[in-house]
């Protein structure tokens, strides 16, 4: 049986959009809910959804594929590309990670450690 929790974040968003014949307020509310559940953050989710609602209204978007394309465009414009969050060059650099069980902390830490090692930095992981 298919596990609902294991579906991808983007898969759930696509389902919220593409399974509708036309776009309505419920569709946008579903996108907002998935963004919040997906841990995008309340402020970012609201910024994305507010802009999406404006685009739908101003450009008369009624078809799911057009909404999906617009959502991709908005998310690409809104998300942090990392420029503002660059790691400090000062040493030692300490990065503390917290979060709930199953959220992907260990995987993220491993990816970050691997990236830093590839940049020639010495990495120490401690629990």
N, C-alpha and C. Protein backbone atom coordinates (compact mmCIF):
# COMPACT_ATOMS: atom_id res chain seq x y z
N UNK A 1 0.84 -1.19 0.00
CA UNK A 1 0.00 0.00 0.00
C UNK A 1 0.88 1.24 0.00
N UNK A 2 0.43 2.26 -0.67
CA UNK A 2 1.20 3.50 -0.80
C UNK A 2 1.13 4.28 0.50
N UNK A 3 2.28 4.70 1.01
CA UNK A 3 2.34 5.44 2.27
C UNK A 3 2.23 6.93 1.98
N UNK A 4 1.15 7.56 2.44
CA UNK A 4 0.89 8.99 2.20
C UNK A 4 2.02 9.86 2.71
N UNK A 5 2.63 9.50 3.86
CA UNK A 5 3.68 10.31 4.45
C UNK A 5 4.94 10.30 3.60
N UNK A 6 5.15 9.26 2.80
CA UNK A 6 6.38 9.12 2.03
C UNK A 6 6.34 9.86 0.70
N UNK A 7 5.18 10.39 0.31
CA UNK A 7 5.10 11.12 -0.94
C UNK A 7 5.94 12.38 -0.84
N UNK A 8 6.53 12.74 -1.95
CA UNK A 8 7.41 13.89 -1.95
C UNK A 8 6.63 15.19 -1.76
N UNK A 9 7.33 16.17 -1.23
CA UNK A 9 6.76 17.50 -1.03
C UNK A 9 6.22 18.04 -2.35
N UNK A 10 7.02 17.97 -3.39
CA UNK A 10 6.60 18.50 -4.69
C UNK A 10 5.49 17.66 -5.30
N UNK A 11 5.48 16.36 -5.02
CA UNK A 11 4.40 15.51 -5.49
C UNK A 11 3.06 15.89 -4.88
N UNK A 12 3.08 16.21 -3.59
CA UNK A 12 1.84 16.62 -2.91
C UNK A 12 1.37 17.98 -3.43
N UNK A 13 2.30 18.88 -3.72
CA UNK A 13 1.92 20.18 -4.27
C UNK A 13 1.34 19.99 -5.67
N UNK A 14 1.98 19.16 -6.48
CA UNK A 14 1.47 18.90 -7.83
C UNK A 14 0.07 18.31 -7.76
N UNK A 15 -0.16 17.39 -6.81
CA UNK A 15 -1.49 16.81 -6.65
C UNK A 15 -2.51 17.87 -6.27
N UNK A 16 -2.13 18.81 -5.42
CA UNK A 16 -3.05 19.88 -5.00
C UNK A 16 -3.44 20.75 -6.18
N UNK A 17 -2.59 20.81 -7.19
CA UNK A 17 -2.86 21.66 -8.35
C UNK A 17 -3.47 20.86 -9.50
N UNK A 18 -2.79 19.79 -9.90
CA UNK A 18 -3.12 19.13 -11.15
C UNK A 18 -4.35 18.25 -11.10
N UNK A 19 -4.82 17.90 -9.92
CA UNK A 19 -6.01 17.06 -9.83
C UNK A 19 -7.30 17.87 -9.86
N UNK A 20 -7.20 19.13 -10.19
CA UNK A 20 -8.37 20.01 -10.25
C UNK A 20 -8.63 20.39 -11.71
N UNK A 21 -9.90 20.45 -12.11
CA UNK A 21 -10.18 20.88 -13.49
C UNK A 21 -9.90 22.37 -13.70
N UNK A 22 -10.16 23.16 -12.66
CA UNK A 22 -9.89 24.59 -12.72
C UNK A 22 -9.39 25.05 -11.36
N UNK A 23 -8.76 26.20 -11.34
CA UNK A 23 -8.19 26.75 -10.13
C UNK A 23 -9.26 27.50 -9.34
N UNK A 24 -9.29 27.25 -8.03
CA UNK A 24 -10.20 27.98 -7.16
C UNK A 24 -9.47 28.29 -5.85
N UNK A 25 -10.14 28.93 -4.92
CA UNK A 25 -9.52 29.28 -3.63
C UNK A 25 -9.06 28.05 -2.87
N UNK A 26 -9.80 26.97 -2.99
CA UNK A 26 -9.43 25.73 -2.31
C UNK A 26 -8.09 25.19 -2.82
N UNK A 27 -7.84 25.37 -4.11
CA UNK A 27 -6.57 24.93 -4.70
C UNK A 27 -5.41 25.71 -4.09
N UNK A 28 -5.55 27.02 -4.01
CA UNK A 28 -4.49 27.86 -3.44
C UNK A 28 -4.32 27.55 -1.96
N UNK A 29 -5.43 27.32 -1.25
CA UNK A 29 -5.34 26.95 0.17
C UNK A 29 -4.58 25.64 0.35
N UNK A 30 -4.81 24.70 -0.57
CA UNK A 30 -4.10 23.41 -0.53
C UNK A 30 -2.60 23.59 -0.73
N UNK A 31 -2.23 24.48 -1.62
CA UNK A 31 -0.81 24.77 -1.86
C UNK A 31 -0.20 25.38 -0.61
N UNK A 32 -0.92 26.34 -0.02
CA UNK A 32 -0.44 26.97 1.20
C UNK A 32 -0.23 25.94 2.31
N UNK A 33 -1.18 25.05 2.46
CA UNK A 33 -1.08 24.00 3.48
C UNK A 33 0.14 23.12 3.25
N UNK A 34 0.36 22.72 2.01
CA UNK A 34 1.51 21.86 1.69
C UNK A 34 2.84 22.59 1.91
N UNK A 35 2.88 23.88 1.63
CA UNK A 35 4.09 24.65 1.88
C UNK A 35 4.40 24.69 3.38
N UNK A 36 3.37 24.90 4.19
CA UNK A 36 3.57 24.96 5.64
C UNK A 36 3.95 23.59 6.18
N UNK A 37 3.24 22.55 5.74
CA UNK A 37 3.57 21.18 6.17
C UNK A 37 4.98 20.81 5.73
N UNK A 38 5.38 21.30 4.55
CA UNK A 38 6.70 21.02 4.01
C UNK A 38 7.81 21.79 4.68
N UNK A 39 7.48 22.53 5.74
CA UNK A 39 8.45 23.26 6.55
C UNK A 39 9.17 24.35 5.77
N UNK A 40 8.43 25.00 4.87
CA UNK A 40 8.99 26.12 4.14
C UNK A 40 9.12 27.33 5.06
N UNK A 41 8.28 27.34 6.09
CA UNK A 41 8.25 28.47 7.01
C UNK A 41 7.01 29.31 6.73
N UNK A 42 6.41 29.78 7.80
CA UNK A 42 5.15 30.51 7.67
C UNK A 42 5.31 31.78 6.84
N UNK A 43 6.34 32.57 7.11
CA UNK A 43 6.53 33.82 6.36
C UNK A 43 6.76 33.56 4.88
N UNK A 44 7.61 32.59 4.58
CA UNK A 44 7.90 32.27 3.18
C UNK A 44 6.67 31.71 2.48
N UNK A 45 5.95 30.83 3.16
CA UNK A 45 4.73 30.26 2.58
C UNK A 45 3.72 31.36 2.27
N UNK A 46 3.55 32.29 3.21
CA UNK A 46 2.61 33.38 3.00
C UNK A 46 3.05 34.28 1.84
N UNK A 47 4.35 34.54 1.76
CA UNK A 47 4.87 35.37 0.67
C UNK A 47 4.60 34.70 -0.69
N UNK A 48 4.85 33.39 -0.77
CA UNK A 48 4.62 32.65 -2.01
C UNK A 48 3.14 32.66 -2.37
N UNK A 49 2.29 32.34 -1.40
CA UNK A 49 0.86 32.23 -1.66
C UNK A 49 0.24 33.59 -1.99
N UNK A 50 0.65 34.64 -1.29
CA UNK A 50 0.13 35.97 -1.60
C UNK A 50 0.47 36.37 -3.03
N UNK A 51 1.71 36.12 -3.40
CA UNK A 51 2.12 36.46 -4.77
C UNK A 51 1.39 35.59 -5.79
N UNK A 52 1.18 34.31 -5.45
CA UNK A 52 0.47 33.40 -6.34
C UNK A 52 -0.98 33.86 -6.53
N UNK A 53 -1.63 34.24 -5.43
CA UNK A 53 -3.01 34.75 -5.53
C UNK A 53 -3.09 35.99 -6.43
N UNK A 54 -2.12 36.91 -6.28
CA UNK A 54 -2.08 38.11 -7.13
C UNK A 54 -1.92 37.74 -8.60
N UNK A 55 -1.01 36.79 -8.86
CA UNK A 55 -0.75 36.38 -10.24
C UNK A 55 -2.00 35.72 -10.85
N UNK A 56 -2.67 34.89 -10.06
CA UNK A 56 -3.88 34.23 -10.54
C UNK A 56 -4.95 35.28 -10.87
N UNK A 57 -5.12 36.24 -9.98
CA UNK A 57 -6.12 37.28 -10.18
C UNK A 57 -5.76 38.19 -11.36
N UNK A 58 -4.52 38.69 -11.36
CA UNK A 58 -4.12 39.67 -12.37
C UNK A 58 -3.97 39.08 -13.77
N UNK A 59 -3.57 37.82 -13.84
CA UNK A 59 -3.32 37.19 -15.15
C UNK A 59 -4.40 36.18 -15.54
N UNK A 60 -5.48 36.15 -14.77
CA UNK A 60 -6.61 35.26 -15.06
C UNK A 60 -6.18 33.81 -15.28
N UNK A 61 -5.35 33.32 -14.37
CA UNK A 61 -4.88 31.94 -14.47
C UNK A 61 -6.00 31.03 -13.98
N UNK A 62 -6.44 30.12 -14.85
CA UNK A 62 -7.50 29.19 -14.47
C UNK A 62 -7.13 27.74 -14.70
N UNK A 63 -6.07 27.48 -15.45
CA UNK A 63 -5.70 26.11 -15.76
C UNK A 63 -4.58 25.63 -14.85
N UNK A 64 -4.68 24.37 -14.40
CA UNK A 64 -3.70 23.83 -13.45
C UNK A 64 -2.24 23.92 -13.92
N UNK A 65 -1.97 23.61 -15.17
CA UNK A 65 -0.58 23.65 -15.64
C UNK A 65 -0.02 25.06 -15.62
N UNK A 66 -0.86 26.04 -15.94
CA UNK A 66 -0.42 27.44 -15.89
C UNK A 66 -0.11 27.85 -14.45
N UNK A 67 -0.94 27.38 -13.50
CA UNK A 67 -0.70 27.67 -12.09
C UNK A 67 0.59 27.02 -11.62
N UNK A 68 0.82 25.79 -12.05
CA UNK A 68 2.04 25.08 -11.66
C UNK A 68 3.28 25.82 -12.18
N UNK A 69 3.23 26.26 -13.42
CA UNK A 69 4.35 27.00 -14.00
C UNK A 69 4.60 28.29 -13.23
N UNK A 70 3.52 28.99 -12.89
CA UNK A 70 3.65 30.25 -12.15
C UNK A 70 4.20 29.99 -10.76
N UNK A 71 3.74 28.91 -10.10
CA UNK A 71 4.24 28.57 -8.77
C UNK A 71 5.74 28.29 -8.82
N UNK A 72 6.19 27.55 -9.82
CA UNK A 72 7.62 27.27 -9.97
C UNK A 72 8.41 28.57 -10.11
N UNK A 73 7.89 29.48 -10.91
CA UNK A 73 8.55 30.77 -11.13
C UNK A 73 8.64 31.57 -9.82
N UNK A 74 7.56 31.58 -9.06
CA UNK A 74 7.53 32.33 -7.80
C UNK A 74 8.47 31.72 -6.78
N UNK A 75 8.44 30.41 -6.65
CA UNK A 75 9.31 29.74 -5.68
C UNK A 75 10.77 30.00 -6.03
N UNK A 76 11.11 29.91 -7.30
CA UNK A 76 12.49 30.17 -7.72
C UNK A 76 12.92 31.59 -7.37
N UNK A 77 11.99 32.54 -7.46
CA UNK A 77 12.32 33.93 -7.16
C UNK A 77 12.40 34.19 -5.66
N UNK A 78 11.61 33.46 -4.87
CA UNK A 78 11.49 33.74 -3.44
C UNK A 78 12.51 33.00 -2.58
N UNK A 79 12.86 31.78 -2.98
CA UNK A 79 13.72 30.99 -2.10
C UNK A 79 15.11 31.58 -1.97
N UNK A 80 15.70 31.32 -0.82
CA UNK A 80 17.05 31.79 -0.54
C UNK A 80 18.02 30.95 -1.36
N UNK A 81 18.81 31.59 -2.15
CA UNK A 81 19.79 30.89 -2.98
C UNK A 81 21.10 30.66 -2.23
N UNK A 82 21.14 31.09 -0.98
CA UNK A 82 22.32 30.87 -0.17
C UNK A 82 23.26 32.04 -0.09
N UNK A 83 23.04 33.06 -0.90
CA UNK A 83 23.96 34.20 -0.88
C UNK A 83 23.98 34.86 0.49
N UNK A 84 22.83 34.99 1.10
CA UNK A 84 22.74 35.65 2.41
C UNK A 84 23.12 34.73 3.55
N UNK A 85 23.20 33.44 3.27
CA UNK A 85 23.45 32.47 4.32
C UNK A 85 24.80 31.76 4.15
N UNK A 86 25.73 32.41 3.50
CA UNK A 86 27.04 31.81 3.30
C UNK A 86 27.71 31.56 4.65
N UNK A 87 28.46 30.46 4.74
CA UNK A 87 29.14 30.13 5.97
C UNK A 87 30.30 31.10 6.23
N UNK A 88 30.51 31.38 7.46
CA UNK A 88 31.61 32.26 7.86
C UNK A 88 32.94 31.58 7.56
N UNK A 89 33.92 32.39 7.23
CA UNK A 89 35.27 31.86 6.99
C UNK A 89 36.08 31.81 8.28
N UNK A 90 35.54 32.38 9.36
CA UNK A 90 36.25 32.36 10.63
C UNK A 90 36.25 30.95 11.20
N UNK A 91 37.33 30.60 11.91
CA UNK A 91 37.41 29.28 12.53
C UNK A 91 37.64 29.43 14.02
N UNK A 92 37.20 28.52 14.83
CA UNK A 92 36.38 27.37 14.43
C UNK A 92 34.95 27.82 14.16
N UNK A 93 34.33 27.17 13.24
CA UNK A 93 32.93 27.42 12.91
C UNK A 93 32.11 26.31 13.53
N UNK A 94 31.13 26.67 14.34
CA UNK A 94 30.27 25.68 14.99
C UNK A 94 28.88 25.81 14.39
N UNK A 95 28.36 24.67 13.95
CA UNK A 95 27.00 24.63 13.40
C UNK A 95 26.20 23.68 14.27
N UNK A 96 25.15 24.20 14.91
CA UNK A 96 24.30 23.36 15.74
C UNK A 96 23.01 23.08 14.98
N UNK A 97 22.60 21.82 15.00
CA UNK A 97 21.39 21.42 14.29
C UNK A 97 20.40 20.84 15.28
N UNK A 98 19.16 21.34 15.23
CA UNK A 98 18.10 20.81 16.08
C UNK A 98 16.87 20.56 15.23
N UNK A 99 16.01 19.69 15.71
CA UNK A 99 14.77 19.42 14.98
C UNK A 99 14.11 18.17 15.50
N UNK A 100 12.95 17.89 14.96
CA UNK A 100 12.18 16.73 15.39
C UNK A 100 12.70 15.45 14.74
N UNK A 101 12.36 14.33 15.34
CA UNK A 101 12.78 13.04 14.80
C UNK A 101 12.23 12.85 13.38
N UNK A 102 13.08 12.32 12.51
CA UNK A 102 12.65 12.00 11.16
C UNK A 102 12.61 13.16 10.19
N UNK A 103 13.13 14.31 10.58
CA UNK A 103 13.06 15.49 9.72
C UNK A 103 14.22 15.58 8.73
N UNK A 104 15.23 14.72 8.86
CA UNK A 104 16.34 14.74 7.92
C UNK A 104 17.59 15.42 8.43
N UNK A 105 17.70 15.59 9.74
CA UNK A 105 18.88 16.27 10.30
C UNK A 105 20.16 15.52 9.98
N UNK A 106 20.18 14.22 10.21
CA UNK A 106 21.39 13.43 10.01
C UNK A 106 21.83 13.48 8.55
N UNK A 107 20.91 13.34 7.64
CA UNK A 107 21.24 13.40 6.21
C UNK A 107 21.79 14.77 5.84
N UNK A 108 21.16 15.82 6.34
CA UNK A 108 21.61 17.18 6.05
C UNK A 108 23.00 17.42 6.61
N UNK A 109 23.24 16.96 7.83
CA UNK A 109 24.55 17.12 8.46
C UNK A 109 25.62 16.39 7.65
N UNK A 110 25.31 15.18 7.21
CA UNK A 110 26.27 14.41 6.42
C UNK A 110 26.58 15.11 5.10
N UNK A 111 25.56 15.64 4.45
CA UNK A 111 25.78 16.36 3.18
C UNK A 111 26.61 17.62 3.40
N UNK A 112 26.33 18.34 4.47
CA UNK A 112 27.08 19.55 4.78
C UNK A 112 28.54 19.20 5.10
N UNK A 113 28.76 18.16 5.90
CA UNK A 113 30.12 17.74 6.24
C UNK A 113 30.88 17.33 4.98
N UNK A 114 30.23 16.60 4.10
CA UNK A 114 30.86 16.17 2.85
C UNK A 114 31.24 17.38 2.00
N UNK A 115 30.33 18.34 1.90
CA UNK A 115 30.61 19.55 1.12
C UNK A 115 31.81 20.31 1.69
N UNK A 116 31.83 20.46 3.02
CA UNK A 116 32.94 21.19 3.64
C UNK A 116 34.26 20.45 3.47
N UNK A 117 34.23 19.13 3.56
CA UNK A 117 35.45 18.35 3.34
C UNK A 117 35.94 18.51 1.90
N UNK A 118 35.01 18.53 0.96
CA UNK A 118 35.39 18.73 -0.45
C UNK A 118 35.99 20.11 -0.69
N UNK A 119 35.66 21.06 0.18
CA UNK A 119 36.24 22.39 0.09
C UNK A 119 37.58 22.48 0.83
N UNK A 120 38.06 21.34 1.36
CA UNK A 120 39.35 21.29 2.02
C UNK A 120 39.30 21.64 3.51
N UNK A 121 38.12 21.70 4.07
CA UNK A 121 38.00 22.03 5.48
C UNK A 121 38.05 20.75 6.33
N UNK A 122 38.48 20.90 7.57
CA UNK A 122 38.49 19.80 8.52
C UNK A 122 37.16 19.81 9.25
N UNK A 123 36.51 18.65 9.34
CA UNK A 123 35.18 18.56 9.92
C UNK A 123 35.20 17.62 11.11
N UNK A 124 34.57 18.03 12.19
CA UNK A 124 34.38 17.20 13.37
C UNK A 124 32.90 17.18 13.67
N UNK A 125 32.33 15.97 13.74
CA UNK A 125 30.92 15.81 14.08
C UNK A 125 30.82 15.33 15.52
N UNK A 126 29.96 15.92 16.30
CA UNK A 126 29.79 15.53 17.69
C UNK A 126 28.30 15.52 18.01
N UNK A 127 27.94 14.59 18.89
CA UNK A 127 26.52 14.49 19.31
C UNK A 127 26.41 14.77 20.78
